[in-house]
Amino acid sequence: MKKHILSILAALTAWSTLGAELDLQMPFKPGRNSPVAWWDGPKCKLVEENGKKRVSIEAGTGIRFKNSFQGKAGDILEFELTLKWEKGPVSVRLGQRSREGYIDEAAAYIFKATDTPAVYKGEIRLKDAEKPDKNGILRKVSEFSMTIHAHQGSKNVMVENIKATLKPKE
């Protein structure tokens, strides 16, 4: 019972941070839970540049918010990502799951690289599975996880900040 209550409190804490700015200063100490968010980025480094702290993401890797969020088909995740990089694609990805298991990934790609920090805005709509799984169950999205990914060929990807808001289906 105690574990169940703690997991509910952890989920509520994670949900309340989704609409707030995420402080990327803490997350890259493996296994450290910051007061704002818990990110997992084993190949990422925290760097300071011109008095600002940024997270350097190695090409072919990413950072993932460890907690999942509740959502349903039609909900929209709006995000503002402050970053800079020299070349190659970067994406914000949502791993969608149902009670029965994994559905798929929805992504928003950013292609226009810039050598100075810029704000990129985008949105991703959650959606149910398009066809039934091998057991004949049509999976309906109930939760998602969020990842910022620097694809192969990307160079010097530096994330400064991310703001995300989940807008329920109207």
Protein backbone atom coordinates (compact mmCIF):
# COMPACT_ATOMS: atom_id res chain seq x y z
CA MET A 1 0.00 0.00 0.00
CA LYS A 2 2.84 2.35 0.92
CA LYS A 3 4.57 1.68 -2.43
CA HIS A 4 1.31 2.36 -4.28
CA ILE A 5 0.88 5.74 -2.54
CA LEU A 6 4.50 6.68 -3.29
CA SER A 7 4.09 5.81 -6.97
CA ILE A 8 0.92 7.93 -7.15
CA LEU A 9 2.77 10.87 -5.54
CA ALA A 10 5.66 10.44 -7.98
CA ALA A 11 3.25 10.42 -10.93
CA LEU A 12 1.50 13.57 -9.67
CA THR A 13 4.85 15.31 -9.22
CA ALA A 14 5.87 14.35 -12.77
CA TRP A 15 2.54 15.54 -14.19
CA SER A 16 2.78 18.92 -12.42
CA THR A 17 6.21 19.56 -13.98
CA LEU A 18 5.01 19.04 -17.54
CA GLY A 19 3.65 22.58 -17.92
CA ALA A 20 6.66 24.18 -16.22
CA GLU A 21 10.12 24.98 -17.54
CA LEU A 22 12.47 22.10 -16.94
CA ASP A 23 15.74 22.93 -15.22
CA LEU A 24 18.33 20.99 -17.18
CA GLN A 25 21.07 21.74 -14.67
CA MET A 26 20.60 18.61 -12.53
CA PRO A 27 19.63 15.74 -14.77
CA PHE A 28 22.89 14.36 -16.00
CA LYS A 29 24.18 12.86 -12.81
CA PRO A 30 23.19 9.21 -13.26
CA GLY A 31 20.47 8.13 -10.86
CA ARG A 32 19.99 11.61 -9.37
CA ASN A 33 16.41 12.82 -9.01
CA SER A 34 16.26 16.62 -9.28
CA PRO A 35 13.42 18.60 -7.69
CA VAL A 36 12.04 19.46 -11.13
CA ALA A 37 12.55 16.48 -13.42
CA TRP A 38 14.39 13.21 -13.71
CA TRP A 39 16.14 12.91 -17.06
CA ASP A 40 18.16 10.00 -18.34
CA GLY A 41 21.01 10.89 -20.67
CA PRO A 42 23.96 8.52 -20.19
CA LYS A 43 26.00 10.04 -23.05
CA CYS A 44 25.01 13.67 -22.41
CA LYS A 45 27.15 16.27 -20.66
CA LEU A 46 26.31 19.44 -18.79
CA VAL A 47 28.39 22.34 -20.17
CA GLU A 48 28.56 26.04 -19.39
CA GLU A 49 28.83 28.43 -22.32
CA ASN A 50 28.61 32.24 -22.11
CA GLY A 51 27.26 32.00 -18.56
CA LYS A 52 24.42 29.64 -19.55
CA LYS A 53 24.19 25.97 -18.70
CA ARG A 54 23.39 23.71 -21.62
CA VAL A 55 23.22 20.00 -22.22
CA SER A 56 25.42 18.58 -24.96
CA ILE A 57 23.83 15.58 -26.71
CA GLU A 58 26.08 13.20 -28.62
CA ALA A 59 24.96 12.32 -32.19
CA GLY A 60 22.82 9.18 -32.30
CA THR A 61 21.69 9.54 -28.67
CA GLY A 62 19.17 11.52 -26.68
CA ILE A 63 17.78 12.45 -23.30
CA ARG A 64 14.58 10.94 -21.96
CA PHE A 65 12.25 12.15 -19.25
CA LYS A 66 12.08 9.11 -16.97
CA ASN A 67 8.47 9.48 -15.82
CA SER A 68 5.54 8.70 -18.09
CA PHE A 69 2.55 11.01 -18.39
CA GLN A 70 -1.15 10.20 -18.71
CA GLY A 71 -2.77 11.11 -22.02
CA LYS A 72 -5.34 9.91 -24.51
CA ALA A 73 -5.87 10.01 -28.26
CA GLY A 74 -6.41 13.54 -29.52
CA ASP A 75 -4.42 15.23 -26.73
CA ILE A 76 -1.70 17.55 -28.04
CA LEU A 77 1.74 18.06 -26.49
CA GLU A 78 2.93 21.60 -27.31
CA PHE A 79 6.63 22.24 -26.77
CA GLU A 80 9.20 25.02 -26.97
CA LEU A 81 12.74 23.80 -27.27
CA THR A 82 15.68 26.21 -26.90
CA LEU A 83 18.74 24.74 -28.57
CA LYS A 84 21.55 25.24 -31.06
CA TRP A 85 23.45 22.85 -33.30
CA GLU A 86 25.56 22.91 -36.44
CA LYS A 87 23.91 20.32 -38.70
CA GLY A 88 21.69 17.26 -38.93
CA PRO A 89 18.18 16.55 -37.66
CA VAL A 90 16.97 16.71 -34.05
CA SER A 91 13.59 15.38 -32.92
CA VAL A 92 11.19 15.45 -29.98
CA ARG A 93 9.65 11.99 -29.66
CA LEU A 94 6.73 10.60 -27.67
CA GLY A 95 6.72 6.88 -26.90
CA GLN A 96 3.02 5.97 -26.71
CA ARG A 97 1.76 3.06 -24.61
CA SER A 98 -1.56 1.49 -23.72
CA ARG A 99 -2.53 -0.77 -20.83
CA GLU A 100 -1.73 -3.72 -23.12
CA GLY A 101 1.76 -2.46 -24.03
CA TYR A 102 3.73 -0.31 -26.45
CA ILE A 103 1.90 1.29 -29.42
CA ASP A 104 4.43 3.37 -31.36
CA GLU A 105 6.39 6.59 -31.40
CA ALA A 106 5.14 9.98 -32.58
CA ALA A 107 7.81 12.53 -33.50
CA ALA A 108 8.33 16.16 -34.48
CA TYR A 109 11.53 16.81 -36.45
CA ILE A 110 13.60 19.99 -36.44
CA PHE A 111 15.90 20.42 -39.44
CA LYS A 112 16.95 24.09 -39.47
CA ALA A 113 20.26 24.20 -37.58
CA THR A 114 21.58 27.43 -36.09
CA ASP A 115 24.85 28.29 -34.34
CA THR A 116 23.09 30.59 -31.85
CA PRO A 117 20.39 29.43 -29.41
CA ALA A 118 16.93 29.62 -30.97
CA VAL A 119 13.45 28.63 -29.80
CA TYR A 120 11.71 25.93 -31.82
CA LYS A 121 7.98 25.46 -31.27
CA GLY A 122 6.02 22.40 -32.23
CA GLU A 123 3.27 20.04 -31.28
CA ILE A 124 2.65 16.31 -31.35
CA ARG A 125 -0.82 14.73 -31.28
CA LEU A 126 -1.30 11.48 -29.38
CA LYS A 127 -3.10 8.75 -31.31
CA ASP A 128 -4.34 5.20 -30.81
CA ALA A 129 -2.91 2.22 -32.69
CA GLU A 130 -3.95 2.12 -36.35
CA LYS A 131 -4.53 -1.64 -36.45
CA PRO A 132 -5.04 -4.45 -33.91
CA ASP A 133 -2.04 -6.25 -32.40
CA LYS A 134 -1.36 -9.98 -32.88
CA ASN A 135 -4.04 -10.80 -30.25
CA GLY A 136 -6.67 -8.73 -32.06
CA ILE A 137 -6.63 -5.88 -29.51
CA LEU A 138 -6.77 -2.32 -30.84
CA ARG A 139 -4.51 -0.52 -28.37
CA LYS A 140 -5.70 2.85 -27.05
CA VAL A 141 -3.05 5.28 -25.80
CA SER A 142 -3.11 5.87 -22.03
CA GLU A 143 0.39 7.24 -21.34
CA PHE A 144 3.50 8.54 -23.09
CA SER A 145 7.16 9.29 -22.44
CA MET A 146 9.17 12.17 -23.91
CA THR A 147 12.64 12.10 -25.54
CA ILE A 148 14.84 14.71 -27.25
CA HIS A 149 16.98 12.88 -29.82
CA ALA A 150 20.04 14.02 -31.82
CA HIS A 151 20.12 11.80 -34.92
CA GLN A 152 23.20 10.38 -36.63
CA GLY A 153 24.87 13.15 -38.59
CA SER A 154 23.93 15.82 -36.04
CA LYS A 155 26.80 17.92 -34.78
CA ASN A 156 27.29 19.93 -31.55
CA VAL A 157 23.67 19.67 -30.32
CA MET A 158 23.21 21.85 -27.20
CA VAL A 159 19.83 21.98 -25.42
CA GLU A 160 19.27 25.01 -23.20
CA ASN A 161 15.65 24.56 -22.13
CA ILE A 162 12.35 22.87 -22.86
CA LYS A 163 8.81 23.89 -21.99
CA ALA A 164 6.00 21.42 -22.59
CA THR A 165 2.24 21.64 -22.10
CA LEU A 166 -0.31 18.88 -22.64
CA LYS A 167 -3.56 20.22 -24.10
CA PRO A 168 -6.51 17.82 -23.64
CA LYS A 169 -8.67 16.90 -26.62
CA GLU A 170 -11.50 19.39 -26.98
